[in-house]
Amino acid sequence: MLVDQGMQVIDVGVVGDAYAIASNYLRKTGAIPADGIVPNDRLLQLIVGMFHRGESNRIKLANKAIAKFEAALLP
C-alpha cells in the first residue's frame, strides 16, 4: 500500500516489514522494551529516512536501522 505524505510517497508494506524485523530483534536484545505496544519513534524515523533516501529492500532497511540504533546506544 502506498501512502501519500505531502509530496513523498511511502510504501507502508516495505517500511512496516522493515520495522517489524528491526523491532523484533531489538526487543529480543533488550535495546527497546519488550512490552511496548507503541512503536519506537527513533527506530521508525531511521527506517523512513533511509527509505526516502532510496533504500527499498526491507532486509537492508532493517539491518541498517538496527546498526544505527545500536550505535547510538554506545557510550
N, C-alpha and C. Protein backbone atom coordinates (compact mmCIF):
# COMPACT_ATOMS: atom_id res chain seq x y z
N MET A 1 0.84 -1.17 0.00
CA MET A 1 0.00 0.00 0.00
C MET A 1 0.89 1.23 0.00
N LEU A 2 0.55 2.16 -0.85
CA LEU A 2 1.29 3.42 -0.91
C LEU A 2 0.48 4.50 -0.19
N VAL A 3 1.16 5.29 0.61
CA VAL A 3 0.52 6.38 1.33
C VAL A 3 1.21 7.67 0.94
N ASP A 4 0.42 8.68 0.55
CA ASP A 4 0.96 9.97 0.15
C ASP A 4 1.10 10.85 1.39
N GLN A 5 2.32 11.29 1.67
CA GLN A 5 2.58 12.22 2.77
C GLN A 5 3.05 13.53 2.17
N GLY A 6 2.12 14.36 1.81
CA GLY A 6 2.51 15.60 1.16
C GLY A 6 3.05 15.28 -0.21
N MET A 7 4.34 15.51 -0.42
CA MET A 7 4.97 15.27 -1.70
C MET A 7 5.71 13.94 -1.75
N GLN A 8 5.81 13.24 -0.62
CA GLN A 8 6.55 11.99 -0.58
C GLN A 8 5.57 10.82 -0.46
N VAL A 9 5.89 9.72 -1.11
CA VAL A 9 5.06 8.52 -1.06
C VAL A 9 5.82 7.45 -0.29
N ILE A 10 5.12 6.80 0.63
CA ILE A 10 5.73 5.75 1.44
C ILE A 10 5.06 4.42 1.12
N ASP A 11 5.86 3.40 0.85
CA ASP A 11 5.35 2.04 0.69
C ASP A 11 5.24 1.47 2.10
N VAL A 12 4.03 1.47 2.62
CA VAL A 12 3.80 1.07 4.00
C VAL A 12 4.22 -0.38 4.23
N GLY A 13 4.08 -1.23 3.23
CA GLY A 13 4.47 -2.63 3.37
C GLY A 13 5.95 -2.79 3.62
N VAL A 14 6.78 -2.12 2.84
CA VAL A 14 8.23 -2.22 2.99
C VAL A 14 8.66 -1.62 4.33
N VAL A 15 8.18 -0.43 4.63
CA VAL A 15 8.55 0.24 5.88
C VAL A 15 8.04 -0.56 7.08
N GLY A 16 6.82 -1.04 6.99
CA GLY A 16 6.24 -1.83 8.08
C GLY A 16 6.98 -3.13 8.31
N ASP A 17 7.33 -3.82 7.24
CA ASP A 17 8.08 -5.07 7.37
C ASP A 17 9.47 -4.82 7.96
N ALA A 18 10.14 -3.79 7.48
CA ALA A 18 11.47 -3.46 8.00
C ALA A 18 11.39 -3.11 9.48
N TYR A 19 10.37 -2.36 9.87
CA TYR A 19 10.19 -2.00 11.28
C TYR A 19 9.94 -3.26 12.11
N ALA A 20 9.09 -4.14 11.62
CA ALA A 20 8.78 -5.37 12.36
C ALA A 20 10.03 -6.21 12.58
N ILE A 21 10.85 -6.35 11.56
CA ILE A 21 12.08 -7.13 11.66
C ILE A 21 13.03 -6.49 12.67
N ALA A 22 13.26 -5.19 12.51
CA ALA A 22 14.21 -4.49 13.39
C ALA A 22 13.72 -4.44 14.83
N SER A 23 12.45 -4.13 15.03
CA SER A 23 11.94 -4.02 16.40
C SER A 23 11.91 -5.37 17.09
N ASN A 24 11.62 -6.43 16.36
CA ASN A 24 11.63 -7.77 16.94
C ASN A 24 13.04 -8.11 17.44
N TYR A 25 14.04 -7.85 16.62
CA TYR A 25 15.43 -8.10 17.01
C TYR A 25 15.82 -7.25 18.23
N LEU A 26 15.51 -5.96 18.18
CA LEU A 26 15.90 -5.06 19.26
C LEU A 26 15.17 -5.37 20.56
N ARG A 27 13.95 -5.88 20.47
CA ARG A 27 13.24 -6.30 21.68
C ARG A 27 13.91 -7.53 22.29
N LYS A 28 14.32 -8.47 21.43
CA LYS A 28 14.97 -9.69 21.92
C LYS A 28 16.32 -9.39 22.56
N THR A 29 17.01 -8.35 22.10
CA THR A 29 18.31 -7.99 22.68
C THR A 29 18.16 -7.06 23.89
N GLY A 30 16.96 -6.57 24.13
CA GLY A 30 16.73 -5.68 25.26
C GLY A 30 17.00 -4.22 24.97
N ALA A 31 17.26 -3.88 23.71
CA ALA A 31 17.55 -2.49 23.35
C ALA A 31 16.30 -1.62 23.40
N ILE A 32 15.14 -2.21 23.17
CA ILE A 32 13.87 -1.50 23.35
C ILE A 32 12.97 -2.38 24.21
N PRO A 33 12.04 -1.78 24.96
CA PRO A 33 11.19 -2.56 25.86
C PRO A 33 10.39 -3.64 25.13
N ALA A 34 10.37 -4.82 25.72
CA ALA A 34 9.66 -5.95 25.11
C ALA A 34 8.15 -5.80 25.24
N ASP A 35 7.70 -5.03 26.20
CA ASP A 35 6.26 -4.90 26.42
C ASP A 35 5.65 -3.69 25.72
N GLY A 36 6.45 -2.99 24.96
CA GLY A 36 5.95 -1.78 24.31
C GLY A 36 5.00 -2.07 23.16
N ILE A 37 3.82 -1.50 23.23
CA ILE A 37 2.84 -1.64 22.16
C ILE A 37 3.01 -0.48 21.17
N VAL A 38 3.46 0.65 21.69
CA VAL A 38 3.64 1.85 20.88
C VAL A 38 4.95 1.70 20.09
N PRO A 39 4.94 2.03 18.80
CA PRO A 39 6.17 1.95 18.01
C PRO A 39 7.26 2.86 18.56
N ASN A 40 8.49 2.44 18.39
CA ASN A 40 9.63 3.25 18.81
C ASN A 40 9.86 4.32 17.74
N ASP A 41 9.66 5.56 18.11
CA ASP A 41 9.74 6.66 17.14
C ASP A 41 11.12 6.78 16.50
N ARG A 42 12.17 6.62 17.30
CA ARG A 42 13.52 6.76 16.76
C ARG A 42 13.82 5.70 15.70
N LEU A 43 13.43 4.48 15.98
CA LEU A 43 13.64 3.39 15.03
C LEU A 43 12.84 3.62 13.76
N LEU A 44 11.60 4.03 13.91
CA LEU A 44 10.75 4.29 12.75
C LEU A 44 11.31 5.44 11.91
N GLN A 45 11.80 6.50 12.55
CA GLN A 45 12.39 7.62 11.82
C GLN A 45 13.63 7.19 11.04
N LEU A 46 14.44 6.32 11.62
CA LEU A 46 15.62 5.82 10.91
C LEU A 46 15.20 5.08 9.64
N ILE A 47 14.22 4.22 9.76
CA ILE A 47 13.77 3.42 8.62
C ILE A 47 13.13 4.29 7.55
N VAL A 48 12.25 5.19 7.94
CA VAL A 48 11.59 6.07 6.97
C VAL A 48 12.61 6.96 6.28
N GLY A 49 13.58 7.47 7.03
CA GLY A 49 14.63 8.32 6.44
C GLY A 49 15.43 7.58 5.39
N MET A 50 15.82 6.35 5.69
CA MET A 50 16.59 5.57 4.71
C MET A 50 15.72 5.21 3.50
N PHE A 51 14.44 4.96 3.74
CA PHE A 51 13.53 4.67 2.64
C PHE A 51 13.44 5.87 1.70
N HIS A 52 13.33 7.05 2.27
CA HIS A 52 13.24 8.27 1.45
C HIS A 52 14.55 8.56 0.71
N ARG A 53 15.66 8.07 1.24
CA ARG A 53 16.94 8.25 0.55
C ARG A 53 17.19 7.18 -0.51
N GLY A 54 16.22 6.29 -0.70
CA GLY A 54 16.30 5.36 -1.82
C GLY A 54 16.41 3.88 -1.49
N GLU A 55 16.57 3.52 -0.22
CA GLU A 55 16.67 2.10 0.12
C GLU A 55 15.25 1.51 0.17
N SER A 56 15.00 0.47 -0.61
CA SER A 56 13.66 -0.11 -0.64
C SER A 56 13.65 -1.60 -0.31
N ASN A 57 14.81 -2.16 0.02
CA ASN A 57 14.88 -3.56 0.42
C ASN A 57 14.62 -3.67 1.91
N ARG A 58 13.58 -4.37 2.29
CA ARG A 58 13.17 -4.42 3.70
C ARG A 58 14.23 -5.01 4.62
N ILE A 59 14.98 -6.00 4.15
CA ILE A 59 16.03 -6.60 4.98
C ILE A 59 17.18 -5.62 5.19
N LYS A 60 17.59 -4.94 4.12
CA LYS A 60 18.66 -3.94 4.24
C LYS A 60 18.21 -2.79 5.14
N LEU A 61 16.97 -2.35 4.97
CA LEU A 61 16.45 -1.29 5.83
C LEU A 61 16.51 -1.70 7.30
N ALA A 62 16.05 -2.91 7.59
CA ALA A 62 16.05 -3.40 8.97
C ALA A 62 17.47 -3.49 9.52
N ASN A 63 18.37 -4.09 8.76
CA ASN A 63 19.75 -4.26 9.23
C ASN A 63 20.46 -2.93 9.45
N LYS A 64 20.29 -2.01 8.53
CA LYS A 64 20.92 -0.69 8.68
C LYS A 64 20.33 0.07 9.87
N ALA A 65 19.02 -0.04 10.04
CA ALA A 65 18.37 0.64 11.17
C ALA A 65 18.83 0.05 12.49
N ILE A 66 18.98 -1.27 12.55
CA ILE A 66 19.47 -1.91 13.76
C ILE A 66 20.88 -1.41 14.08
N ALA A 67 21.74 -1.39 13.08
CA ALA A 67 23.12 -0.94 13.29
C ALA A 67 23.16 0.50 13.78
N LYS A 68 22.39 1.38 13.17
CA LYS A 68 22.38 2.79 13.59
C LYS A 68 21.78 2.94 14.98
N PHE A 69 20.71 2.20 15.26
CA PHE A 69 20.05 2.27 16.56
C PHE A 69 21.01 1.82 17.66
N GLU A 70 21.69 0.69 17.43
CA GLU A 70 22.62 0.16 18.44
C GLU A 70 23.84 1.07 18.60
N ALA A 71 24.32 1.66 17.50
CA ALA A 71 25.47 2.56 17.57
C ALA A 71 25.15 3.78 18.43
N ALA A 72 23.92 4.24 18.38
CA ALA A 72 23.52 5.41 19.17
C ALA A 72 23.45 5.07 20.67
N LEU A 73 23.34 3.80 20.99
CA LEU A 73 23.27 3.39 22.40
C LEU A 73 24.65 3.28 23.05
N LEU A 74 25.69 3.19 22.23
CA LEU A 74 27.04 3.05 22.77
C LEU A 74 27.50 4.34 23.41
N PRO A 75 28.27 4.21 24.53
CA PRO A 75 28.73 5.42 25.23
C PRO A 75 29.75 6.22 24.46
